[in-house]
Amino acid sequence: MDKNKQGAVPRHVAIIMDGNNRWAKKRLLPGVAGHKAGVDAVRAVIEVCAESGVEVLTLFAFSSENWQRPAEEVGALMELFLGALRRETRRLLENDICLRIIGDRSRFHPELQAAMREAELMTAGERRFTLQIAANYGGQWDIAQAAQRLAREVQAGHLQAEDITPELLQGCLATGDLPLPDLCIRTGGEYRISNFLLWQLAYSELYFSDLYWPDFKHDAMRQALADFATRQRRFGKTSEQVEAEARSQC
């Protein structure tokens, strides 16, 4: 299918990378081995998205609920995150990829926060592809911080409460300057969105894979994009309306 055809390729893909621990357990390895193996899947998915014309890829790396995991695992994840930032940033720059990190950074170690800022600054600017990492992120947190921003504007007298619209709130979200996700993928055989981009996923197409994240490589990503290309996105309209609009644009 022509990737330039409207709807054929998602502008923004969001992924819940699930199944790292189960992948490792199946192989009698410690959980962190699964997270390390998942880095190769990240590289593969970035390559496929970039070559397919996707503009934004958002990866759910660490949720605000993940702090409840065993301290040893959390510590290993933080070390892995720090190492990946230091190791991969130059590769992103060489491939004209902009890195953004969304979420509440206040709980991260200052060294990791500094590495995040440095990576974002190095890759900032108009680039062909945006990689967005959600770290210590939760959809409920995102909506709450957007509401707080608007409340402060009302309190300061810069905004009237009745002027708050869905569009205004959406612009205050962590992803407010980016297109909404067209496609949300979850690996690992689970069927929920786990507090990920709650507002933004309102009209996203959902795709679930039984593959554990470390096994979700090039072919799996291409299959997900091919499935998306078969979807008819109606946004509340009827199929007949959507088809008529498509004909009128030809």
C-alpha atoms as a PDB file:
ATOM      1  CA  MET A   1       0.000   0.000   0.000  1.00  0.00           C
ATOM      2  CA  ASP A   2       1.210   3.538  -0.831  1.00  0.00           C
ATOM      3  CA  LYS A   3       2.658   4.925   2.365  1.00  0.00           C
ATOM      4  CA  ASN A   4       1.639   8.428   1.245  1.00  0.00           C
ATOM      5  CA  LYS A   5      -2.019   7.508   1.232  1.00  0.00           C
ATOM      6  CA  GLN A   6      -3.829   9.132   4.138  1.00  0.00           C
ATOM      7  CA  GLY A   7      -4.034   6.706   7.041  1.00  0.00           C
ATOM      8  CA  ALA A   8      -1.690   4.159   5.485  1.00  0.00           C
ATOM      9  CA  VAL A   9       1.231   5.040   7.764  1.00  0.00           C
ATOM     10  CA  PRO A  10       0.744   6.327  11.311  1.00  0.00           C
ATOM     11  CA  ARG A  11       2.380   9.655  12.026  1.00  0.00           C
ATOM     12  CA  HIS A  12       2.835   8.706  15.678  1.00  0.00           C
ATOM     13  CA  VAL A  13       3.308   5.204  17.085  1.00  0.00           C
ATOM     14  CA  ALA A  14       3.240   4.533  20.831  1.00  0.00           C
ATOM     15  CA  ILE A  15       4.472   1.246  22.301  1.00  0.00           C
ATOM     16  CA  ILE A  16       4.073  -0.431  25.678  1.00  0.00           C
ATOM     17  CA  MET A  17       7.175  -2.607  25.780  1.00  0.00           C
ATOM     18  CA  ASP A  18       5.965  -5.535  27.892  1.00  0.00           C
ATOM     19  CA  GLY A  19       7.343  -9.013  28.540  1.00  0.00           C
ATOM     20  CA  ASN A  20      11.015  -8.404  29.356  1.00  0.00           C
ATOM     21  CA  ASN A  21      10.866 -10.194  32.700  1.00  0.00           C
ATOM     22  CA  ARG A  22       8.884 -13.117  31.332  1.00  0.00           C
ATOM     23  CA  TRP A  23      11.307 -13.427  28.419  1.00  0.00           C
ATOM     24  CA  ALA A  24      14.185 -13.704  30.904  1.00  0.00           C
ATOM     25  CA  LYS A  25      12.334 -16.068  33.253  1.00  0.00           C
ATOM     26  CA  LYS A  26      11.588 -18.408  30.357  1.00  0.00           C
ATOM     27  CA  ARG A  27      15.336 -18.612  29.783  1.00  0.00           C
ATOM     28  CA  LEU A  28      16.182 -18.992  33.499  1.00  0.00           C
ATOM     29  CA  LEU A  29      17.882 -15.584  33.474  1.00  0.00           C
ATOM     30  CA  PRO A  30      17.576 -12.667  35.897  1.00  0.00           C
ATOM     31  CA  GLY A  31      14.918 -10.117  34.999  1.00  0.00           C
ATOM     32  CA  VAL A  32      17.409  -7.435  34.046  1.00  0.00           C
ATOM     33  CA  ALA A  33      18.676  -9.704  31.247  1.00  0.00           C
ATOM     34  CA  GLY A  34      15.308  -9.281  29.570  1.00  0.00           C
ATOM     35  CA  HIS A  35      15.545  -5.501  29.772  1.00  0.00           C
ATOM     36  CA  LYS A  36      19.039  -5.601  28.278  1.00  0.00           C
ATOM     37  CA  ALA A  37      17.818  -7.848  25.460  1.00  0.00           C
ATOM     38  CA  GLY A  38      14.964  -5.404  24.870  1.00  0.00           C
ATOM     39  CA  VAL A  39      17.439  -2.722  23.764  1.00  0.00           C
ATOM     40  CA  ASP A  40      17.917  -4.589  20.467  1.00  0.00           C
ATOM     41  CA  ALA A  41      14.155  -4.532  19.921  1.00  0.00           C
ATOM     42  CA  VAL A  42      14.166  -0.772  20.499  1.00  0.00           C
ATOM     43  CA  ARG A  43      16.800  -0.348  17.799  1.00  0.00           C
ATOM     44  CA  ALA A  44      14.850  -2.558  15.390  1.00  0.00           C
ATOM     45  CA  VAL A  45      11.580  -0.716  15.923  1.00  0.00           C
ATOM     46  CA  ILE A  46      13.257   2.679  15.482  1.00  0.00           C
ATOM     47  CA  GLU A  47      14.762   1.507  12.180  1.00  0.00           C
ATOM     48  CA  VAL A  48      11.429   0.252  10.829  1.00  0.00           C
ATOM     49  CA  CYS A  49       9.506   3.353  11.917  1.00  0.00           C
ATOM     50  CA  ALA A  50      12.086   5.715  10.440  1.00  0.00           C
ATOM     51  CA  GLU A  51      12.231   3.866   7.118  1.00  0.00           C
ATOM     52  CA  SER A  52       8.415   3.653   6.924  1.00  0.00           C
ATOM     53  CA  GLY A  53       7.785   7.367   7.319  1.00  0.00           C
ATOM     54  CA  VAL A  54       6.579   7.409  10.927  1.00  0.00           C
ATOM     55  CA  GLU A  55       7.311  10.828  12.428  1.00  0.00           C
ATOM     56  CA  VAL A  56       7.131  10.106  16.163  1.00  0.00           C
ATOM     57  CA  LEU A  57       7.768   6.969  18.217  1.00  0.00           C
ATOM     58  CA  THR A  58       6.890   7.010  21.923  1.00  0.00           C
ATOM     59  CA  LEU A  59       8.179   4.151  24.089  1.00  0.00           C
ATOM     60  CA  PHE A  60       6.820   3.439  27.576  1.00  0.00           C
ATOM     61  CA  ALA A  61      10.111   2.701  29.325  1.00  0.00           C
ATOM     62  CA  PHE A  62       9.264   3.144  33.008  1.00  0.00           C
ATOM     63  CA  SER A  63       5.873   3.896  34.508  1.00  0.00           C
ATOM     64  CA  SER A  64       5.166   5.818  37.702  1.00  0.00           C
ATOM     65  CA  GLU A  65       3.950   2.499  39.137  1.00  0.00           C
ATOM     66  CA  ASN A  66       7.181   0.645  38.327  1.00  0.00           C
ATOM     67  CA  TRP A  67       8.854   2.041  41.466  1.00  0.00           C
ATOM     68  CA  GLN A  68       6.901  -0.656  43.319  1.00  0.00           C
ATOM     69  CA  ARG A  69       9.083  -3.351  41.750  1.00  0.00           C
ATOM     70  CA  PRO A  70      11.948  -4.925  43.758  1.00  0.00           C
ATOM     71  CA  ALA A  71      14.640  -2.357  44.581  1.00  0.00           C
ATOM     72  CA  GLU A  72      17.320  -4.473  42.894  1.00  0.00           C
ATOM     73  CA  GLU A  73      15.383  -4.506  39.616  1.00  0.00           C
ATOM     74  CA  VAL A  74      14.647  -0.773  39.774  1.00  0.00           C
ATOM     75  CA  GLY A  75      18.323  -0.028  40.417  1.00  0.00           C
ATOM     76  CA  ALA A  76      19.371  -2.197  37.484  1.00  0.00           C
ATOM     77  CA  LEU A  77      16.858  -0.457  35.241  1.00  0.00           C
ATOM     78  CA  MET A  78      18.209   2.958  36.215  1.00  0.00           C
ATOM     79  CA  GLU A  79      21.761   1.821  35.419  1.00  0.00           C
ATOM     80  CA  LEU A  80      20.582   0.421  32.091  1.00  0.00           C
ATOM     81  CA  PHE A  81      18.782   3.667  31.269  1.00  0.00           C
ATOM     82  CA  LEU A  82      21.831   5.761  32.123  1.00  0.00           C
ATOM     83  CA  GLY A  83      24.124   3.520  30.074  1.00  0.00           C
ATOM     84  CA  ALA A  84      21.773   3.584  27.090  1.00  0.00           C
ATOM     85  CA  LEU A  85      21.580   7.385  27.149  1.00  0.00           C
ATOM     86  CA  ARG A  86      25.359   7.685  27.147  1.00  0.00           C
ATOM     87  CA  ARG A  87      25.874   4.975  24.546  1.00  0.00           C
ATOM     88  CA  GLU A  88      23.037   5.649  22.098  1.00  0.00           C
ATOM     89  CA  THR A  89      22.764   9.445  21.975  1.00  0.00           C
ATOM     90  CA  ARG A  90      25.485   9.911  19.381  1.00  0.00           C
ATOM     91  CA  ARG A  91      23.926   7.183  17.257  1.00  0.00           C
ATOM     92  CA  LEU A  92      20.602   9.036  17.379  1.00  0.00           C
ATOM     93  CA  LEU A  93      22.335  12.241  16.350  1.00  0.00           C
ATOM     94  CA  GLU A  94      24.082  10.531  13.442  1.00  0.00           C
ATOM     95  CA  ASN A  95      20.723   9.196  12.248  1.00  0.00           C
ATOM     96  CA  ASP A  96      18.993  12.597  12.508  1.00  0.00           C
ATOM     97  CA  ILE A  97      16.755  11.514  15.394  1.00  0.00           C
ATOM     98  CA  CYS A  98      15.520  13.913  18.061  1.00  0.00           C
ATOM     99  CA  LEU A  99      15.261  12.456  21.570  1.00  0.00           C
ATOM    100  CA  ARG A 100      12.632  13.680  24.025  1.00  0.00           C
ATOM    101  CA  ILE A 101      11.916  12.332  27.501  1.00  0.00           C
ATOM    102  CA  ILE A 102       8.526  12.835  29.137  1.00  0.00           C
ATOM    103  CA  GLY A 103       7.493  12.157  32.713  1.00  0.00           C
ATOM    104  CA  ASP A 104       8.251  13.399  36.209  1.00  0.00           C
ATOM    105  CA  ARG A 105      12.058  13.486  36.449  1.00  0.00           C
ATOM    106  CA  SER A 106      12.226  14.660  40.063  1.00  0.00           C
ATOM    107  CA  ARG A 107      12.540  11.138  41.466  1.00  0.00           C
ATOM    108  CA  PHE A 108      15.519  10.177  39.315  1.00  0.00           C
ATOM    109  CA  HIS A 109      19.105  10.452  40.539  1.00  0.00           C
ATOM    110  CA  PRO A 110      20.684  13.834  39.616  1.00  0.00           C
ATOM    111  CA  GLU A 111      23.247  12.042  37.420  1.00  0.00           C
ATOM    112  CA  LEU A 112      20.477  10.452  35.387  1.00  0.00           C
ATOM    113  CA  GLN A 113      18.579  13.733  35.166  1.00  0.00           C
ATOM    114  CA  ALA A 114      21.735  15.415  33.854  1.00  0.00           C
ATOM    115  CA  ALA A 115      22.214  12.671  31.258  1.00  0.00           C
ATOM    116  CA  MET A 116      18.622  13.148  30.096  1.00  0.00           C
ATOM    117  CA  ARG A 117      19.105  16.881  29.632  1.00  0.00           C
ATOM    118  CA  GLU A 118      22.407  16.380  27.802  1.00  0.00           C
ATOM    119  CA  ALA A 119      20.928  13.800  25.421  1.00  0.00           C
ATOM    120  CA  GLU A 120      17.960  16.033  24.625  1.00  0.00           C
ATOM    121  CA  LEU A 121      20.183  19.059  24.004  1.00  0.00           C
ATOM    122  CA  MET A 122      22.528  17.084  21.747  1.00  0.00           C
ATOM    123  CA  THR A 123      19.702  15.837  19.532  1.00  0.00           C
ATOM    124  CA  ALA A 124      17.420  18.893  19.665  1.00  0.00           C
ATOM    125  CA  GLY A 125      16.205  20.667  16.547  1.00  0.00           C
ATOM    126  CA  GLU A 126      14.235  19.915  13.420  1.00  0.00           C
ATOM    127  CA  ARG A 127      15.016  16.313  12.620  1.00  0.00           C
ATOM    128  CA  ARG A 128      13.447  13.649  10.436  1.00  0.00           C
ATOM    129  CA  PHE A 129      12.249  11.515  13.333  1.00  0.00           C
ATOM    130  CA  THR A 130      11.365  12.020  17.013  1.00  0.00           C
ATOM    131  CA  LEU A 131      11.992   9.326  19.607  1.00  0.00           C
ATOM    132  CA  GLN A 132      10.075  10.032  22.796  1.00  0.00           C
ATOM    133  CA  ILE A 133      10.799   8.044  25.964  1.00  0.00           C
ATOM    134  CA  ALA A 134       8.179   7.972  28.716  1.00  0.00           C
ATOM    135  CA  ALA A 135      10.055   7.568  32.018  1.00  0.00           C
ATOM    136  CA  ASN A 136       8.400   7.834  35.430  1.00  0.00           C
ATOM    137  CA  TYR A 137       5.368   8.639  33.351  1.00  0.00           C
ATOM    138  CA  GLY A 138       1.691   7.987  34.017  1.00  0.00           C
ATOM    139  CA  GLY A 139      -1.321   9.128  32.046  1.00  0.00           C
ATOM    140  CA  GLN A 140      -3.124  10.262  35.189  1.00  0.00           C
ATOM    141  CA  TRP A 141      -0.060  12.291  36.246  1.00  0.00           C
ATOM    142  CA  ASP A 142       0.057  13.869  32.777  1.00  0.00           C
ATOM    143  CA  ILE A 143      -3.578  14.980  32.884  1.00  0.00           C
ATOM    144  CA  ALA A 144      -3.187  16.235  36.466  1.00  0.00           C
ATOM    145  CA  GLN A 145      -0.102  18.340  35.643  1.00  0.00           C
ATOM    146  CA  ALA A 146      -1.901  19.809  32.625  1.00  0.00           C
ATOM    147  CA  ALA A 147      -4.886  20.700  34.835  1.00  0.00           C
ATOM    148  CA  GLN A 148      -2.528  22.296  37.375  1.00  0.00           C
ATOM    149  CA  ARG A 149      -0.948  24.439  34.656  1.00  0.00           C
ATOM    150  CA  LEU A 150      -4.356  25.682  33.572  1.00  0.00           C
ATOM    151  CA  ALA A 151      -5.438  26.249  37.169  1.00  0.00           C
ATOM    152  CA  ARG A 152      -2.410  28.470  37.722  1.00  0.00           C
ATOM    153  CA  GLU A 153      -3.338  30.467  34.632  1.00  0.00           C
ATOM    154  CA  VAL A 154      -6.860  30.961  35.994  1.00  0.00           C
ATOM    155  CA  GLN A 155      -5.489  31.871  39.431  1.00  0.00           C
ATOM    156  CA  ALA A 156      -3.191  34.465  37.863  1.00  0.00           C
ATOM    157  CA  GLY A 157      -6.100  35.984  35.964  1.00  0.00           C
ATOM    158  CA  HIS A 158      -4.708  35.078  32.534  1.00  0.00           C
ATOM    159  CA  LEU A 159      -7.526  32.644  31.762  1.00  0.00           C
ATOM    160  CA  GLN A 160     -11.200  32.187  32.612  1.00  0.00           C
ATOM    161  CA  ALA A 161     -12.335  28.754  33.773  1.00  0.00           C
ATOM    162  CA  GLU A 162     -15.024  28.656  31.086  1.00  0.00           C
ATOM    163  CA  ASP A 163     -12.333  29.191  28.435  1.00  0.00           C
ATOM    164  CA  ILE A 164     -10.752  25.804  29.191  1.00  0.00           C
ATOM    165  CA  THR A 165     -11.430  23.448  26.293  1.00  0.00           C
ATOM    166  CA  PRO A 166     -10.280  19.919  25.503  1.00  0.00           C
ATOM    167  CA  GLU A 167      -7.900  21.418  22.935  1.00  0.00           C
ATOM    168  CA  LEU A 168      -6.395  23.777  25.505  1.00  0.00           C
ATOM    169  CA  LEU A 169      -5.855  20.988  28.026  1.00  0.00           C
ATOM    170  CA  GLN A 170      -4.404  18.723  25.348  1.00  0.00           C
ATOM    171  CA  GLY A 171      -1.849  21.403  24.524  1.00  0.00           C
ATOM    172  CA  CYS A 172      -0.660  21.338  28.142  1.00  0.00           C
ATOM    173  CA  LEU A 173       0.048  17.605  28.136  1.00  0.00           C
ATOM    174  CA  ALA A 174       3.626  16.338  27.954  1.00  0.00           C
ATOM    175  CA  THR A 175       3.050  15.532  24.272  1.00  0.00           C
ATOM    176  CA  GLY A 176       1.038  18.678  23.541  1.00  0.00           C
ATOM    177  CA  ASP A 177       3.138  19.874  20.610  1.00  0.00           C
ATOM    178  CA  LEU A 178       3.164  16.511  18.827  1.00  0.00           C
ATOM    179  CA  PRO A 179       0.509  14.691  16.771  1.00  0.00           C
ATOM    180  CA  LEU A 180      -1.677  12.318  18.760  1.00  0.00           C
ATOM    181  CA  PRO A 181      -0.720   8.635  18.540  1.00  0.00           C
ATOM    182  CA  ASP A 182      -2.391   6.922  15.612  1.00  0.00           C
ATOM    183  CA  LEU A 183      -1.290   3.446  16.687  1.00  0.00           C
ATOM    184  CA  CYS A 184      -0.617   1.993  20.129  1.00  0.00           C
ATOM    185  CA  ILE A 185       1.154  -1.363  20.311  1.00  0.00           C
ATOM    186  CA  ARG A 186       1.453  -3.557  23.381  1.00  0.00           C
ATOM    187  CA  THR A 187       3.664  -6.633  23.416  1.00  0.00           C
ATOM    188  CA  GLY A 188       3.717  -9.533  25.870  1.00  0.00           C
ATOM    189  CA  GLY A 189       0.171 -10.796  25.364  1.00  0.00           C
ATOM    190  CA  GLU A 190      -1.518  -8.383  27.788  1.00  0.00           C
ATOM    191  CA  TYR A 191      -4.634  -6.427  26.790  1.00  0.00           C
ATOM    192  CA  ARG A 192      -4.615  -3.128  28.684  1.00  0.00           C
ATOM    193  CA  ILE A 193      -2.973   0.281  28.376  1.00  0.00           C
ATOM    194  CA  SER A 194      -1.677   0.499  31.966  1.00  0.00           C
ATOM    195  CA  ASN A 195      -1.977   4.252  32.568  1.00  0.00           C
ATOM    196  CA  PHE A 196      -0.130   5.100  29.348  1.00  0.00           C
ATOM    197  CA  LEU A 197      -1.106   8.254  27.407  1.00  0.00           C
ATOM    198  CA  LEU A 198      -4.686   8.034  28.685  1.00  0.00           C
ATOM    199  CA  TRP A 199      -5.889  11.231  27.028  1.00  0.00           C
ATOM    200  CA  GLN A 200      -3.824  10.855  23.876  1.00  0.00           C
ATOM    201  CA  LEU A 201      -4.987   7.314  23.062  1.00  0.00           C
ATOM    202  CA  ALA A 202      -8.692   8.252  22.870  1.00  0.00           C
ATOM    203  CA  TYR A 203      -8.875   7.463  19.135  1.00  0.00           C
ATOM    204  CA  SER A 204      -5.704   5.446  18.614  1.00  0.00           C
ATOM    205  CA  GLU A 205      -5.827   2.094  16.898  1.00  0.00           C
ATOM    206  CA  LEU A 206      -4.774  -0.637  19.329  1.00  0.00           C
ATOM    207  CA  TYR A 207      -2.552  -3.557  18.339  1.00  0.00           C
ATOM    208  CA  PHE A 208      -1.629  -6.393  20.698  1.00  0.00           C
ATOM    209  CA  SER A 209       1.186  -8.877  20.126  1.00  0.00           C
ATOM    210  CA  ASP A 210       1.843 -12.088  22.020  1.00  0.00           C
ATOM    211  CA  LEU A 211       5.581 -11.659  21.475  1.00  0.00           C
ATOM    212  CA  TYR A 212       7.651 -10.639  24.472  1.00  0.00           C
ATOM    213  CA  TRP A 213       9.327  -7.300  23.866  1.00  0.00           C
ATOM    214  CA  PRO A 214      12.875  -8.657  23.219  1.00  0.00           C
ATOM    215  CA  ASP A 215      11.413 -10.747  20.375  1.00  0.00           C
ATOM    216  CA  PHE A 216       9.503  -7.852  18.790  1.00  0.00           C
ATOM    217  CA  LYS A 217      11.935  -7.031  15.999  1.00  0.00           C
ATOM    218  CA  HIS A 218      11.804  -5.789  12.401  1.00  0.00           C
ATOM    219  CA  ASP A 219       9.269  -8.256  10.980  1.00  0.00           C
ATOM    220  CA  ALA A 220       6.927  -7.874  13.938  1.00  0.00           C
ATOM    221  CA  MET A 221       6.973  -4.091  13.648  1.00  0.00           C
ATOM    222  CA  ARG A 222       6.350  -4.234   9.909  1.00  0.00           C
ATOM    223  CA  GLN A 223       3.412  -6.564  10.544  1.00  0.00           C
ATOM    224  CA  ALA A 224       1.926  -4.082  13.026  1.00  0.00           C
ATOM    225  CA  LEU A 225       2.237  -1.262  10.495  1.00  0.00           C
ATOM    226  CA  ALA A 226       0.692  -3.438   7.784  1.00  0.00           C
ATOM    227  CA  ASP A 227      -2.240  -4.195  10.084  1.00  0.00           C
ATOM    228  CA  PHE A 228      -2.699  -0.483  10.758  1.00  0.00           C
ATOM    229  CA  ALA A 229      -2.850   0.186   7.020  1.00  0.00           C
ATOM    230  CA  THR A 230      -5.952  -2.031   6.784  1.00  0.00           C
ATOM    231  CA  ARG A 231      -7.854  -0.118   9.487  1.00  0.00           C
ATOM    232  CA  GLN A 232     -10.561   2.397   8.632  1.00  0.00           C
ATOM    233  CA  ARG A 233     -10.355   5.300  11.061  1.00  0.00           C
ATOM    234  CA  ARG A 234     -13.813   6.828  11.413  1.00  0.00           C
ATOM    235  CA  PHE A 235     -13.545   9.187  14.417  1.00  0.00           C
ATOM    236  CA  GLY A 236     -17.281   8.874  15.060  1.00  0.00           C
ATOM    237  CA  LYS A 237     -18.322   9.031  11.409  1.00  0.00           C
ATOM    238  CA  THR A 238     -19.884   6.247   9.363  1.00  0.00           C
ATOM    239  CA  SER A 239     -17.923   4.145   6.895  1.00  0.00           C
ATOM    240  CA  GLU A 240     -19.876   5.747   4.064  1.00  0.00           C
ATOM    241  CA  GLN A 241     -18.870   9.238   5.178  1.00  0.00           C
ATOM    242  CA  VAL A 242     -15.210   8.295   5.452  1.00  0.00           C
ATOM    243  CA  GLU A 243     -15.225   6.652   2.022  1.00  0.00           C
ATOM    244  CA  ALA A 244     -16.978   9.649   0.453  1.00  0.00           C
ATOM    245  CA  GLU A 245     -14.420  12.021   1.923  1.00  0.00           C
ATOM    246  CA  ALA A 246     -11.582   9.826   0.630  1.00  0.00           C
ATOM    247  CA  ARG A 247     -13.075   9.862  -2.875  1.00  0.00           C
ATOM    248  CA  SER A 248     -13.439  13.639  -2.806  1.00  0.00           C
ATOM    249  CA  GLN A 249      -9.742  14.023  -2.004  1.00  0.00           C
ATOM    250  CA  CYS A 250      -8.598  11.895  -4.924  1.00  0.00           C
END
